[in-house]
N, C-alpha and C. Protein backbone atom coordinates (compact mmCIF):
# COMPACT_ATOMS: atom_id res chain seq x y z
N MET A 1 -5.89 -14.32 -9.46
CA MET A 1 -6.49 -13.69 -8.30
C MET A 1 -5.48 -12.72 -7.67
N ALA A 2 -5.88 -11.50 -7.47
CA ALA A 2 -5.02 -10.51 -6.83
C ALA A 2 -5.04 -10.74 -5.32
N LEU A 3 -3.88 -10.73 -4.71
CA LEU A 3 -3.82 -10.96 -3.26
C LEU A 3 -4.10 -9.70 -2.47
N LEU A 4 -3.86 -8.54 -3.07
CA LEU A 4 -4.06 -7.28 -2.36
C LEU A 4 -5.05 -6.40 -3.11
N ARG A 5 -5.78 -5.60 -2.35
CA ARG A 5 -6.64 -4.60 -2.96
C ARG A 5 -6.68 -3.37 -2.04
N ILE A 6 -7.15 -2.28 -2.61
CA ILE A 6 -7.26 -1.03 -1.87
C ILE A 6 -8.72 -0.60 -1.88
N ALA A 7 -9.22 -0.14 -0.74
CA ALA A 7 -10.62 0.30 -0.66
C ALA A 7 -10.73 1.80 -0.86
N ASP A 8 -9.79 2.56 -0.29
CA ASP A 8 -9.80 4.02 -0.39
C ASP A 8 -8.41 4.50 -0.77
N SER A 9 -8.38 5.51 -1.62
CA SER A 9 -7.09 6.07 -2.01
C SER A 9 -6.35 6.61 -0.80
N PHE A 10 -5.02 6.55 -0.84
CA PHE A 10 -4.22 7.17 0.21
C PHE A 10 -2.93 7.72 -0.38
N TYR A 11 -2.34 8.66 0.35
CA TYR A 11 -1.13 9.35 -0.07
C TYR A 11 0.06 8.82 0.72
N VAL A 12 1.17 8.64 0.03
CA VAL A 12 2.41 8.24 0.69
C VAL A 12 3.47 9.26 0.31
N GLY A 13 3.95 10.00 1.31
CA GLY A 13 5.00 10.98 1.08
C GLY A 13 6.37 10.33 1.15
N VAL A 14 7.19 10.57 0.12
CA VAL A 14 8.50 9.93 0.05
C VAL A 14 9.56 10.92 -0.41
N LYS A 15 10.81 10.58 -0.15
CA LYS A 15 11.93 11.40 -0.61
C LYS A 15 12.30 11.05 -2.05
N ASP A 16 12.25 9.76 -2.38
CA ASP A 16 12.64 9.28 -3.71
C ASP A 16 11.38 8.77 -4.42
N ILE A 17 10.73 9.64 -5.19
CA ILE A 17 9.48 9.27 -5.85
C ILE A 17 9.70 8.15 -6.86
N ALA A 18 10.68 8.29 -7.72
CA ALA A 18 10.93 7.26 -8.75
C ALA A 18 11.25 5.91 -8.13
N GLY A 19 12.11 5.89 -7.12
CA GLY A 19 12.46 4.64 -6.45
C GLY A 19 11.26 4.02 -5.76
N SER A 20 10.43 4.84 -5.13
CA SER A 20 9.25 4.32 -4.44
C SER A 20 8.22 3.79 -5.42
N VAL A 21 8.02 4.49 -6.53
CA VAL A 21 7.09 4.00 -7.55
C VAL A 21 7.55 2.63 -8.04
N SER A 22 8.83 2.50 -8.31
CA SER A 22 9.37 1.20 -8.76
C SER A 22 9.14 0.13 -7.70
N TRP A 23 9.36 0.47 -6.43
CA TRP A 23 9.17 -0.48 -5.33
C TRP A 23 7.72 -0.95 -5.27
N TYR A 24 6.76 -0.03 -5.31
CA TYR A 24 5.34 -0.39 -5.24
C TYR A 24 4.93 -1.25 -6.44
N MET A 25 5.50 -0.97 -7.59
CA MET A 25 5.17 -1.76 -8.77
C MET A 25 5.79 -3.17 -8.66
N GLU A 26 7.05 -3.23 -8.27
CA GLU A 26 7.75 -4.52 -8.19
C GLU A 26 7.26 -5.38 -7.03
N LYS A 27 7.18 -4.79 -5.85
CA LYS A 27 6.87 -5.58 -4.65
C LYS A 27 5.38 -5.85 -4.46
N LEU A 28 4.52 -4.85 -4.79
CA LEU A 28 3.09 -5.02 -4.53
C LEU A 28 2.27 -5.33 -5.78
N GLY A 29 2.90 -5.22 -6.95
CA GLY A 29 2.17 -5.51 -8.18
C GLY A 29 1.29 -4.37 -8.66
N CYS A 30 1.59 -3.15 -8.25
CA CYS A 30 0.81 -1.98 -8.68
C CYS A 30 1.19 -1.59 -10.11
N ALA A 31 0.30 -0.81 -10.72
CA ALA A 31 0.55 -0.25 -12.05
C ALA A 31 0.15 1.22 -12.02
N ARG A 32 0.73 2.00 -12.90
CA ARG A 32 0.33 3.41 -13.01
C ARG A 32 -1.12 3.48 -13.47
N THR A 33 -1.82 4.50 -13.01
CA THR A 33 -3.22 4.70 -13.37
C THR A 33 -3.44 6.17 -13.73
N GLN A 34 -4.57 6.44 -14.33
CA GLN A 34 -4.89 7.80 -14.76
C GLN A 34 -5.77 8.53 -13.76
N VAL A 35 -5.85 8.07 -12.52
CA VAL A 35 -6.65 8.74 -11.49
C VAL A 35 -6.13 10.17 -11.33
N GLU A 36 -7.05 11.13 -11.31
CA GLU A 36 -6.67 12.53 -11.14
C GLU A 36 -6.15 12.77 -9.72
N VAL A 37 -5.03 13.48 -9.63
CA VAL A 37 -4.45 13.83 -8.33
C VAL A 37 -4.48 15.35 -8.23
N ASP A 38 -5.42 15.87 -7.45
CA ASP A 38 -5.59 17.32 -7.32
C ASP A 38 -4.47 17.94 -6.50
N ASP A 39 -4.04 19.11 -6.90
CA ASP A 39 -3.07 19.92 -6.15
C ASP A 39 -1.80 19.15 -5.77
N CYS A 40 -1.30 18.35 -6.66
CA CYS A 40 -0.10 17.59 -6.33
C CYS A 40 0.79 17.46 -7.55
N GLU A 41 1.72 18.38 -7.68
CA GLU A 41 2.70 18.27 -8.74
C GLU A 41 3.68 17.15 -8.39
N ASN A 42 4.17 16.49 -9.39
CA ASN A 42 5.15 15.40 -9.22
C ASN A 42 4.57 14.15 -8.56
N CYS A 43 3.25 14.08 -8.38
CA CYS A 43 2.65 12.89 -7.79
C CYS A 43 2.36 11.85 -8.87
N ILE A 44 2.46 10.60 -8.48
CA ILE A 44 2.16 9.50 -9.39
C ILE A 44 1.14 8.60 -8.71
N ALA A 45 0.05 8.30 -9.42
CA ALA A 45 -1.00 7.44 -8.89
C ALA A 45 -0.77 6.01 -9.37
N LEU A 46 -0.86 5.08 -8.42
CA LEU A 46 -0.71 3.65 -8.70
C LEU A 46 -1.97 2.93 -8.25
N CYS A 47 -2.27 1.82 -8.91
CA CYS A 47 -3.44 1.05 -8.51
C CYS A 47 -3.14 -0.43 -8.64
N PHE A 48 -4.03 -1.24 -8.08
CA PHE A 48 -3.99 -2.67 -8.29
C PHE A 48 -4.85 -2.97 -9.52
N PRO A 49 -4.56 -4.02 -10.24
CA PRO A 49 -5.25 -4.28 -11.51
C PRO A 49 -6.78 -4.21 -11.46
N LYS A 50 -7.39 -4.66 -10.38
CA LYS A 50 -8.86 -4.67 -10.31
C LYS A 50 -9.43 -3.44 -9.60
N ASP A 51 -8.60 -2.54 -9.11
CA ASP A 51 -9.05 -1.36 -8.39
C ASP A 51 -8.59 -0.09 -9.11
N ARG A 52 -9.03 0.14 -10.30
CA ARG A 52 -8.53 1.26 -11.09
C ARG A 52 -9.12 2.60 -10.68
N GLN A 53 -10.15 2.62 -9.84
CA GLN A 53 -10.78 3.88 -9.44
C GLN A 53 -10.20 4.46 -8.16
N VAL A 54 -9.42 3.68 -7.44
CA VAL A 54 -8.76 4.15 -6.21
C VAL A 54 -7.26 3.96 -6.37
N ALA A 55 -6.50 4.80 -5.68
CA ALA A 55 -5.07 4.78 -5.96
C ALA A 55 -4.22 4.97 -4.71
N ILE A 56 -3.01 4.47 -4.81
CA ILE A 56 -1.94 4.81 -3.89
C ILE A 56 -1.22 5.96 -4.58
N VAL A 57 -1.23 7.12 -3.95
CA VAL A 57 -0.62 8.31 -4.55
C VAL A 57 0.75 8.51 -3.93
N ILE A 58 1.78 8.47 -4.77
CA ILE A 58 3.15 8.65 -4.32
C ILE A 58 3.56 10.08 -4.66
N GLY A 59 4.04 10.81 -3.66
CA GLY A 59 4.44 12.19 -3.89
C GLY A 59 5.47 12.64 -2.88
N PRO A 60 5.83 13.92 -2.95
CA PRO A 60 6.86 14.45 -2.06
C PRO A 60 6.47 14.34 -0.59
N VAL A 61 7.45 14.06 0.24
CA VAL A 61 7.22 14.00 1.68
C VAL A 61 6.85 15.39 2.18
N SER A 62 5.92 15.44 3.10
CA SER A 62 5.42 16.70 3.65
C SER A 62 6.04 16.94 5.02
N ASN A 63 6.03 18.18 5.44
CA ASN A 63 6.48 18.51 6.80
C ASN A 63 5.43 18.15 7.83
N VAL A 64 4.19 17.92 7.39
CA VAL A 64 3.10 17.59 8.29
C VAL A 64 2.89 16.08 8.27
N PRO A 65 3.11 15.40 9.39
CA PRO A 65 2.92 13.95 9.41
C PRO A 65 1.46 13.57 9.16
N ASP A 66 1.25 12.48 8.44
CA ASP A 66 -0.10 12.00 8.14
C ASP A 66 -0.46 10.94 9.18
N PRO A 67 -1.45 11.24 10.05
CA PRO A 67 -1.81 10.29 11.11
C PRO A 67 -2.67 9.12 10.62
N ALA A 68 -3.19 9.20 9.39
CA ALA A 68 -4.08 8.15 8.89
C ALA A 68 -3.31 6.84 8.68
N THR A 69 -3.98 5.74 8.98
CA THR A 69 -3.40 4.43 8.72
C THR A 69 -3.62 4.08 7.26
N ARG A 70 -2.56 3.76 6.57
CA ARG A 70 -2.67 3.33 5.18
C ARG A 70 -3.07 1.86 5.19
N MET A 71 -4.17 1.54 4.49
CA MET A 71 -4.75 0.19 4.57
C MET A 71 -4.82 -0.49 3.21
N LEU A 72 -4.43 -1.76 3.20
CA LEU A 72 -4.66 -2.65 2.08
C LEU A 72 -5.46 -3.83 2.62
N TYR A 73 -6.14 -4.55 1.73
CA TYR A 73 -6.98 -5.67 2.15
C TYR A 73 -6.63 -6.91 1.35
N SER A 74 -6.90 -8.07 1.95
CA SER A 74 -6.65 -9.34 1.29
C SER A 74 -7.71 -10.35 1.69
N GLY A 75 -8.14 -11.14 0.74
CA GLY A 75 -9.06 -12.24 1.01
C GLY A 75 -8.32 -13.50 1.42
N ALA A 76 -7.00 -13.46 1.33
CA ALA A 76 -6.15 -14.62 1.69
C ALA A 76 -4.95 -14.08 2.46
N ILE A 77 -5.17 -13.76 3.72
CA ILE A 77 -4.16 -13.05 4.53
C ILE A 77 -2.85 -13.83 4.64
N GLU A 78 -2.92 -15.16 4.84
CA GLU A 78 -1.67 -15.94 4.93
C GLU A 78 -0.90 -15.92 3.62
N LYS A 79 -1.60 -16.10 2.50
CA LYS A 79 -0.94 -16.07 1.20
C LYS A 79 -0.33 -14.70 0.93
N ALA A 80 -1.06 -13.64 1.26
CA ALA A 80 -0.54 -12.28 1.05
C ALA A 80 0.72 -12.07 1.89
N HIS A 81 0.70 -12.52 3.13
CA HIS A 81 1.85 -12.38 4.02
C HIS A 81 3.06 -13.13 3.45
N GLN A 82 2.85 -14.37 3.04
CA GLN A 82 3.94 -15.18 2.47
C GLN A 82 4.46 -14.56 1.17
N TRP A 83 3.56 -14.13 0.31
CA TRP A 83 3.92 -13.55 -0.98
C TRP A 83 4.77 -12.29 -0.79
N LEU A 84 4.34 -11.40 0.11
CA LEU A 84 5.10 -10.18 0.37
C LEU A 84 6.46 -10.49 0.99
N ASN A 85 6.48 -11.41 1.95
CA ASN A 85 7.74 -11.80 2.59
C ASN A 85 8.71 -12.37 1.55
N PHE A 86 8.21 -13.22 0.68
CA PHE A 86 9.02 -13.81 -0.38
C PHE A 86 9.61 -12.74 -1.30
N ARG A 87 8.86 -11.65 -1.51
CA ARG A 87 9.29 -10.56 -2.39
C ARG A 87 10.21 -9.57 -1.69
N GLY A 88 10.55 -9.84 -0.43
CA GLY A 88 11.50 -9.00 0.29
C GLY A 88 10.89 -7.81 1.00
N VAL A 89 9.57 -7.82 1.21
CA VAL A 89 8.90 -6.73 1.92
C VAL A 89 9.02 -6.98 3.42
N ALA A 90 9.32 -5.93 4.17
CA ALA A 90 9.40 -6.04 5.64
C ALA A 90 7.99 -6.17 6.21
N VAL A 91 7.62 -7.39 6.60
CA VAL A 91 6.28 -7.65 7.13
C VAL A 91 6.38 -8.10 8.58
N GLY A 92 5.38 -7.71 9.37
CA GLY A 92 5.28 -8.16 10.75
C GLY A 92 4.50 -9.47 10.79
N SER A 93 4.32 -10.02 11.97
CA SER A 93 3.57 -11.26 12.10
C SER A 93 2.07 -10.99 11.98
N ILE A 94 1.32 -12.02 11.62
CA ILE A 94 -0.14 -11.90 11.52
C ILE A 94 -0.70 -11.88 12.94
N THR A 95 -1.53 -10.90 13.20
CA THR A 95 -2.12 -10.68 14.52
C THR A 95 -3.63 -10.64 14.38
N THR A 96 -4.34 -10.95 15.45
CA THR A 96 -5.80 -10.88 15.47
C THR A 96 -6.23 -9.76 16.42
N ASP A 97 -7.11 -8.86 15.94
CA ASP A 97 -7.57 -7.76 16.80
C ASP A 97 -8.74 -8.23 17.66
N ARG A 98 -9.29 -7.34 18.47
CA ARG A 98 -10.36 -7.70 19.41
C ARG A 98 -11.63 -8.17 18.72
N GLN A 99 -11.85 -7.74 17.47
CA GLN A 99 -13.04 -8.16 16.75
C GLN A 99 -12.82 -9.47 15.97
N GLY A 100 -11.62 -10.01 16.05
CA GLY A 100 -11.32 -11.27 15.38
C GLY A 100 -10.78 -11.11 13.97
N THR A 101 -10.50 -9.88 13.55
CA THR A 101 -9.95 -9.64 12.22
C THR A 101 -8.44 -9.83 12.26
N ARG A 102 -7.93 -10.56 11.31
CA ARG A 102 -6.50 -10.80 11.25
C ARG A 102 -5.85 -9.76 10.34
N TYR A 103 -4.65 -9.34 10.71
CA TYR A 103 -3.94 -8.31 9.96
C TYR A 103 -2.45 -8.42 10.23
N PHE A 104 -1.66 -7.72 9.41
CA PHE A 104 -0.23 -7.58 9.69
C PHE A 104 0.21 -6.21 9.18
N SER A 105 1.31 -5.76 9.74
CA SER A 105 1.88 -4.48 9.33
C SER A 105 3.06 -4.74 8.41
N MET A 106 3.32 -3.78 7.56
CA MET A 106 4.48 -3.84 6.68
C MET A 106 4.99 -2.41 6.49
N THR A 107 6.18 -2.29 5.94
CA THR A 107 6.71 -0.97 5.63
C THR A 107 7.18 -0.95 4.19
N ASP A 108 7.09 0.24 3.58
CA ASP A 108 7.56 0.37 2.21
C ASP A 108 9.05 0.67 2.18
N LEU A 109 9.57 1.01 1.03
CA LEU A 109 10.99 1.26 0.82
C LEU A 109 11.56 2.30 1.78
N GLU A 110 10.75 3.32 2.11
CA GLU A 110 11.22 4.40 2.98
C GLU A 110 10.72 4.28 4.42
N GLY A 111 10.16 3.14 4.77
CA GLY A 111 9.73 2.90 6.14
C GLY A 111 8.33 3.37 6.47
N ASN A 112 7.55 3.77 5.46
CA ASN A 112 6.16 4.18 5.70
C ASN A 112 5.34 2.96 6.08
N PRO A 113 4.58 3.04 7.19
CA PRO A 113 3.80 1.87 7.61
C PRO A 113 2.52 1.70 6.79
N ILE A 114 2.20 0.44 6.51
CA ILE A 114 0.97 0.07 5.81
C ILE A 114 0.42 -1.14 6.53
N GLU A 115 -0.89 -1.17 6.77
CA GLU A 115 -1.51 -2.32 7.41
C GLU A 115 -2.26 -3.13 6.34
N VAL A 116 -2.09 -4.44 6.38
CA VAL A 116 -2.81 -5.33 5.49
C VAL A 116 -3.79 -6.12 6.35
N SER A 117 -5.09 -5.99 6.04
CA SER A 117 -6.13 -6.59 6.85
C SER A 117 -6.94 -7.58 6.03
N GLU A 118 -7.52 -8.57 6.72
CA GLU A 118 -8.45 -9.47 6.06
C GLU A 118 -9.60 -8.66 5.51
N GLU A 119 -10.19 -9.14 4.40
CA GLU A 119 -11.37 -8.49 3.85
C GLU A 119 -12.46 -8.49 4.91
N PRO A 120 -13.14 -7.36 5.08
CA PRO A 120 -14.22 -7.32 6.08
C PRO A 120 -15.39 -8.20 5.70
C-alpha cells in the first residue's frame, strides 16, 4: 500500500535538479515517469507507483514565486507522518483544519513547502 499519492501534477523549482530528483525518489518513493512536460528543458517528471498519469515536475528555480500549495494525499495520515519522519524528512505536526481534515506540512531538500492531507 502506498502511503502517499498525488491528485494533480505540480512543479517544484530547485537549484540542484539531480540532487532533488534523488531526494524525491529516496525520501518519498517516487520514480521517473514518461509524463510529457511542455516548455520545460531540463525538467524531470516523477510519480508515485499508482499515479503514473500525474507528476511532480522537478525543474529549474524560477524568478517568479509559485503561490500554489503543493499537495500530496494519504489514506493513513499518521503512518505517512511517521514514515516520512523516519526517513529524515522535515515534517510539521499533524493539525486539523476547520472542516476536520487532518494534514501536516513538510519541506523538501531545498525547503520547498509541501502539504500532506488526509484523503478527501
